[in-house]
N, C-alpha and C. Protein backbone atom coordinates (compact mmCIF):
# COMPACT_ATOMS: atom_id res chain seq x y z
N UNK A 1 -57.85 45.12 8.38
CA UNK A 1 -56.76 45.97 8.80
C UNK A 1 -57.17 47.43 8.61
N UNK A 2 -56.75 48.25 9.54
CA UNK A 2 -57.03 49.69 9.47
C UNK A 2 -55.72 50.42 9.24
N UNK A 3 -55.66 51.22 8.19
CA UNK A 3 -54.48 52.04 7.88
C UNK A 3 -54.80 53.49 8.13
N UNK A 4 -53.92 54.17 8.86
CA UNK A 4 -54.13 55.58 9.20
C UNK A 4 -52.82 56.33 8.96
N UNK A 5 -52.92 57.51 8.37
CA UNK A 5 -51.80 58.43 8.26
C UNK A 5 -52.09 59.60 9.19
N UNK A 6 -51.14 59.91 10.06
CA UNK A 6 -51.28 61.04 10.97
C UNK A 6 -50.28 62.10 10.53
N UNK A 7 -50.80 63.25 10.08
CA UNK A 7 -49.97 64.37 9.67
C UNK A 7 -49.86 65.35 10.83
N UNK A 8 -48.74 65.32 11.51
CA UNK A 8 -48.51 66.23 12.63
C UNK A 8 -47.75 67.44 12.11
N UNK A 9 -48.49 68.34 11.47
CA UNK A 9 -47.85 69.47 10.78
C UNK A 9 -47.12 70.42 11.73
N UNK A 10 -47.56 70.53 12.97
CA UNK A 10 -46.90 71.43 13.92
C UNK A 10 -45.48 70.95 14.21
N UNK A 11 -45.30 69.65 14.41
CA UNK A 11 -43.95 69.14 14.70
C UNK A 11 -43.25 68.64 13.44
N UNK A 12 -43.96 68.59 12.33
CA UNK A 12 -43.35 68.22 11.06
C UNK A 12 -43.22 66.73 10.80
N UNK A 13 -43.93 65.91 11.57
CA UNK A 13 -43.83 64.46 11.40
C UNK A 13 -45.08 63.90 10.72
N UNK A 14 -44.85 62.87 9.92
CA UNK A 14 -45.94 62.08 9.36
C UNK A 14 -45.75 60.66 9.90
N UNK A 15 -46.81 60.12 10.48
CA UNK A 15 -46.77 58.80 11.10
C UNK A 15 -47.71 57.88 10.32
N UNK A 16 -47.25 56.70 9.97
CA UNK A 16 -48.08 55.71 9.30
C UNK A 16 -48.44 54.63 10.32
N UNK A 17 -49.72 54.34 10.45
CA UNK A 17 -50.19 53.42 11.48
C UNK A 17 -51.04 52.32 10.86
N UNK A 18 -50.88 51.12 11.40
CA UNK A 18 -51.73 50.00 11.01
C UNK A 18 -52.29 49.35 12.27
N UNK A 19 -53.57 49.07 12.24
CA UNK A 19 -54.21 48.36 13.33
C UNK A 19 -54.80 47.07 12.82
N UNK A 20 -54.67 46.01 13.62
CA UNK A 20 -55.21 44.71 13.21
C UNK A 20 -55.72 43.97 14.44
N UNK A 21 -56.96 43.49 14.34
CA UNK A 21 -57.56 42.72 15.42
C UNK A 21 -56.93 41.34 15.49
N UNK A 22 -56.49 40.96 16.67
CA UNK A 22 -55.93 39.64 16.94
C UNK A 22 -56.61 39.09 18.18
N UNK A 23 -57.68 38.35 17.99
CA UNK A 23 -58.42 37.84 19.14
C UNK A 23 -59.09 38.95 19.91
N UNK A 24 -58.71 39.11 21.16
CA UNK A 24 -59.29 40.16 22.02
C UNK A 24 -58.35 41.35 22.17
N UNK A 25 -57.35 41.44 21.29
CA UNK A 25 -56.42 42.56 21.29
C UNK A 25 -56.34 43.16 19.90
N UNK A 26 -55.99 44.43 19.86
CA UNK A 26 -55.72 45.09 18.59
C UNK A 26 -54.23 45.43 18.58
N UNK A 27 -53.54 44.95 17.57
CA UNK A 27 -52.13 45.27 17.42
C UNK A 27 -52.01 46.56 16.61
N UNK A 28 -51.31 47.52 17.19
CA UNK A 28 -51.07 48.80 16.53
C UNK A 28 -49.57 48.90 16.23
N UNK A 29 -49.24 49.05 14.96
CA UNK A 29 -47.85 49.27 14.56
C UNK A 29 -47.75 50.65 13.93
N UNK A 30 -46.72 51.39 14.34
CA UNK A 30 -46.56 52.77 13.89
C UNK A 30 -45.17 52.94 13.29
N UNK A 31 -45.13 53.42 12.05
CA UNK A 31 -43.88 53.79 11.40
C UNK A 31 -43.77 55.31 11.57
N UNK A 32 -42.77 55.74 12.31
CA UNK A 32 -42.68 57.15 12.69
C UNK A 32 -41.23 57.63 12.77
N UNK A 33 -40.99 58.89 12.42
CA UNK A 33 -39.66 59.47 12.62
C UNK A 33 -39.49 60.06 14.04
N UNK A 34 -40.56 60.13 14.81
CA UNK A 34 -40.52 60.73 16.14
C UNK A 34 -39.97 59.75 17.17
N UNK A 35 -38.94 60.15 17.88
CA UNK A 35 -38.31 59.28 18.87
C UNK A 35 -39.26 58.92 20.01
N UNK A 36 -40.11 59.86 20.43
CA UNK A 36 -41.05 59.57 21.51
C UNK A 36 -42.11 58.58 21.07
N UNK A 37 -42.65 58.78 19.88
CA UNK A 37 -43.69 57.88 19.37
C UNK A 37 -43.11 56.50 19.10
N UNK A 38 -41.82 56.42 18.74
CA UNK A 38 -41.19 55.11 18.53
C UNK A 38 -41.29 54.23 19.78
N UNK A 39 -41.37 54.86 20.96
CA UNK A 39 -41.49 54.09 22.21
C UNK A 39 -42.80 53.32 22.29
N UNK A 40 -43.81 53.73 21.52
CA UNK A 40 -45.09 53.01 21.51
C UNK A 40 -45.39 52.48 20.11
N UNK A 41 -44.35 52.24 19.31
CA UNK A 41 -44.56 51.89 17.91
C UNK A 41 -45.16 50.50 17.69
N UNK A 42 -45.20 49.70 18.74
CA UNK A 42 -45.88 48.39 18.65
C UNK A 42 -46.68 48.21 19.94
N UNK A 43 -47.99 48.29 19.82
CA UNK A 43 -48.87 48.14 20.98
C UNK A 43 -49.78 46.94 20.77
N UNK A 44 -50.03 46.21 21.83
CA UNK A 44 -51.02 45.14 21.82
C UNK A 44 -52.10 45.56 22.81
N UNK A 45 -53.14 46.17 22.28
CA UNK A 45 -54.15 46.86 23.08
C UNK A 45 -55.33 45.93 23.37
N UNK A 46 -55.62 45.67 24.65
CA UNK A 46 -56.81 44.88 24.97
C UNK A 46 -58.07 45.62 24.49
N UNK A 47 -58.93 44.91 23.77
CA UNK A 47 -60.13 45.50 23.17
C UNK A 47 -60.96 46.33 24.14
N UNK A 48 -61.09 45.88 25.35
CA UNK A 48 -61.98 46.53 26.30
C UNK A 48 -61.30 47.65 27.09
N UNK A 49 -60.06 48.00 26.74
CA UNK A 49 -59.35 49.04 27.46
C UNK A 49 -59.12 50.29 26.59
N UNK A 50 -60.16 50.67 25.85
CA UNK A 50 -60.03 51.84 24.97
C UNK A 50 -61.18 52.84 25.13
N UNK A 51 -61.99 52.68 26.15
CA UNK A 51 -63.21 53.49 26.23
C UNK A 51 -63.03 54.83 26.94
N UNK A 52 -62.34 54.87 28.04
CA UNK A 52 -62.21 56.11 28.80
C UNK A 52 -61.24 57.06 28.09
N UNK A 53 -61.51 58.34 28.12
CA UNK A 53 -60.68 59.32 27.43
C UNK A 53 -59.30 59.46 28.07
N UNK A 54 -59.22 59.24 29.37
CA UNK A 54 -57.95 59.43 30.08
C UNK A 54 -57.35 58.11 30.55
N UNK A 55 -58.16 57.29 31.17
CA UNK A 55 -57.66 56.04 31.75
C UNK A 55 -57.90 54.89 30.77
N UNK A 56 -56.97 54.73 29.84
CA UNK A 56 -57.05 53.62 28.90
C UNK A 56 -55.63 53.17 28.56
N UNK A 57 -55.53 52.04 27.97
CA UNK A 57 -54.24 51.41 27.69
C UNK A 57 -53.33 52.30 26.83
N UNK A 58 -53.87 52.87 25.77
CA UNK A 58 -53.06 53.68 24.85
C UNK A 58 -52.54 54.93 25.54
N UNK A 59 -53.40 55.65 26.24
CA UNK A 59 -52.96 56.88 26.91
C UNK A 59 -51.96 56.58 28.03
N UNK A 60 -52.12 55.44 28.69
CA UNK A 60 -51.17 55.05 29.72
C UNK A 60 -49.78 54.85 29.11
N UNK A 61 -49.72 54.14 27.99
CA UNK A 61 -48.43 53.92 27.31
C UNK A 61 -47.85 55.24 26.78
N UNK A 62 -48.70 56.12 26.27
CA UNK A 62 -48.25 57.43 25.77
C UNK A 62 -47.68 58.27 26.91
N UNK A 63 -48.33 58.21 28.04
CA UNK A 63 -47.85 58.96 29.22
C UNK A 63 -46.49 58.44 29.67
N UNK A 64 -46.34 57.13 29.74
CA UNK A 64 -45.07 56.54 30.15
C UNK A 64 -43.95 56.87 29.16
N UNK A 65 -44.28 57.02 27.88
CA UNK A 65 -43.29 57.36 26.85
C UNK A 65 -43.02 58.86 26.78
N UNK A 66 -43.75 59.63 27.61
CA UNK A 66 -43.62 61.10 27.65
C UNK A 66 -43.91 61.75 26.29
N UNK A 67 -44.91 61.18 25.62
CA UNK A 67 -45.36 61.76 24.35
C UNK A 67 -46.03 63.10 24.65
N UNK A 68 -45.84 64.07 23.79
CA UNK A 68 -46.40 65.41 23.99
C UNK A 68 -47.92 65.34 24.16
N UNK A 69 -48.44 66.18 25.02
CA UNK A 69 -49.88 66.15 25.31
C UNK A 69 -50.73 66.55 24.11
N UNK A 70 -50.15 67.21 23.13
CA UNK A 70 -50.90 67.62 21.94
C UNK A 70 -50.73 66.65 20.76
N UNK A 71 -50.00 65.58 20.97
CA UNK A 71 -49.75 64.61 19.89
C UNK A 71 -51.04 63.93 19.47
N UNK A 72 -51.24 63.82 18.17
CA UNK A 72 -52.44 63.20 17.61
C UNK A 72 -52.34 61.68 17.48
N UNK A 73 -51.14 61.13 17.65
CA UNK A 73 -50.94 59.70 17.45
C UNK A 73 -51.75 58.85 18.44
N UNK A 74 -51.75 59.15 19.74
CA UNK A 74 -52.56 58.32 20.64
C UNK A 74 -54.05 58.33 20.28
N UNK A 75 -54.57 59.46 19.89
CA UNK A 75 -55.97 59.55 19.48
C UNK A 75 -56.22 58.69 18.24
N UNK A 76 -55.30 58.74 17.29
CA UNK A 76 -55.43 57.92 16.08
C UNK A 76 -55.36 56.44 16.43
N UNK A 77 -54.49 56.07 17.37
CA UNK A 77 -54.38 54.67 17.80
C UNK A 77 -55.70 54.21 18.43
N UNK A 78 -56.31 55.07 19.23
CA UNK A 78 -57.61 54.73 19.82
C UNK A 78 -58.67 54.54 18.74
N UNK A 79 -58.66 55.40 17.73
CA UNK A 79 -59.60 55.24 16.61
C UNK A 79 -59.37 53.90 15.91
N UNK A 80 -58.11 53.57 15.65
CA UNK A 80 -57.80 52.30 14.99
C UNK A 80 -58.31 51.12 15.82
N UNK A 81 -58.13 51.20 17.13
CA UNK A 81 -58.61 50.12 18.02
C UNK A 81 -60.13 50.00 17.95
N UNK A 82 -60.81 51.13 17.96
CA UNK A 82 -62.27 51.09 17.95
C UNK A 82 -62.80 50.63 16.59
N UNK A 83 -62.12 50.97 15.52
CA UNK A 83 -62.52 50.51 14.19
C UNK A 83 -62.31 49.00 14.09
N UNK A 84 -61.14 48.53 14.49
CA UNK A 84 -60.84 47.09 14.40
C UNK A 84 -61.74 46.26 15.30
N UNK A 85 -62.12 46.82 16.44
CA UNK A 85 -63.00 46.12 17.39
C UNK A 85 -64.47 46.26 17.03
N UNK A 86 -64.74 47.01 15.96
CA UNK A 86 -66.09 47.28 15.46
C UNK A 86 -66.95 48.11 16.42
N UNK A 87 -66.31 48.91 17.26
CA UNK A 87 -67.03 49.88 18.09
C UNK A 87 -67.31 51.15 17.29
N UNK A 88 -66.56 51.33 16.20
CA UNK A 88 -66.83 52.37 15.19
C UNK A 88 -66.93 51.64 13.85
N UNK A 89 -67.95 51.94 13.09
CA UNK A 89 -68.19 51.28 11.82
C UNK A 89 -67.15 51.69 10.77
N UNK A 90 -66.54 50.69 10.13
CA UNK A 90 -65.59 50.96 9.05
C UNK A 90 -66.25 51.70 7.90
N UNK A 91 -67.49 51.35 7.58
CA UNK A 91 -68.17 52.03 6.48
C UNK A 91 -68.46 53.49 6.84
N UNK A 92 -68.75 53.77 8.11
CA UNK A 92 -68.95 55.15 8.55
C UNK A 92 -67.66 55.95 8.42
N UNK A 93 -66.55 55.33 8.80
CA UNK A 93 -65.24 55.99 8.69
C UNK A 93 -64.92 56.29 7.23
N UNK A 94 -65.15 55.31 6.36
CA UNK A 94 -64.87 55.51 4.94
C UNK A 94 -65.75 56.60 4.35
N UNK A 95 -67.01 56.63 4.76
CA UNK A 95 -67.95 57.64 4.28
C UNK A 95 -67.59 59.04 4.81
N UNK A 96 -67.15 59.11 6.07
CA UNK A 96 -66.87 60.40 6.71
C UNK A 96 -65.59 61.04 6.20
N UNK A 97 -64.60 60.23 5.84
CA UNK A 97 -63.35 60.77 5.35
C UNK A 97 -62.42 61.20 6.48
N UNK A 98 -61.41 62.00 6.16
CA UNK A 98 -60.38 62.34 7.16
C UNK A 98 -60.90 63.25 8.27
N UNK A 99 -60.25 63.14 9.43
CA UNK A 99 -60.49 64.05 10.54
C UNK A 99 -59.45 65.15 10.45
N UNK A 100 -59.75 66.30 11.03
CA UNK A 100 -58.73 67.37 11.00
C UNK A 100 -58.95 68.35 12.14
N UNK A 101 -57.89 69.05 12.46
CA UNK A 101 -57.94 70.19 13.37
C UNK A 101 -57.47 71.37 12.54
N UNK A 102 -58.29 72.40 12.45
CA UNK A 102 -57.93 73.54 11.62
C UNK A 102 -57.78 74.77 12.50
N UNK A 103 -56.61 75.39 12.44
CA UNK A 103 -56.36 76.61 13.20
C UNK A 103 -56.66 77.81 12.33
N UNK A 104 -57.35 78.80 12.90
CA UNK A 104 -57.74 80.00 12.15
C UNK A 104 -57.21 81.25 12.83
């Protein structure tokens, strides 16, 4: 299981996400106070539909839910899918630590 916390400091929301591989799909569950993100709070993502930056299952669902274009949740969901599908190494993620965007 992959656990991710997304701190959306600009909008003031903290989202807790869990990803789990189930056969050829990754189930993404999101605990969120954001009404838009709640629309995608349970995704069953086909493993092979996470590669393209724009045309993929997660971004399609985010677009339909009218999630803000700057929201970090879809990106985090894609990371969870790739980690669970072993397209990104779990040990590399643990070694690398958190990702961030820093405004200066």
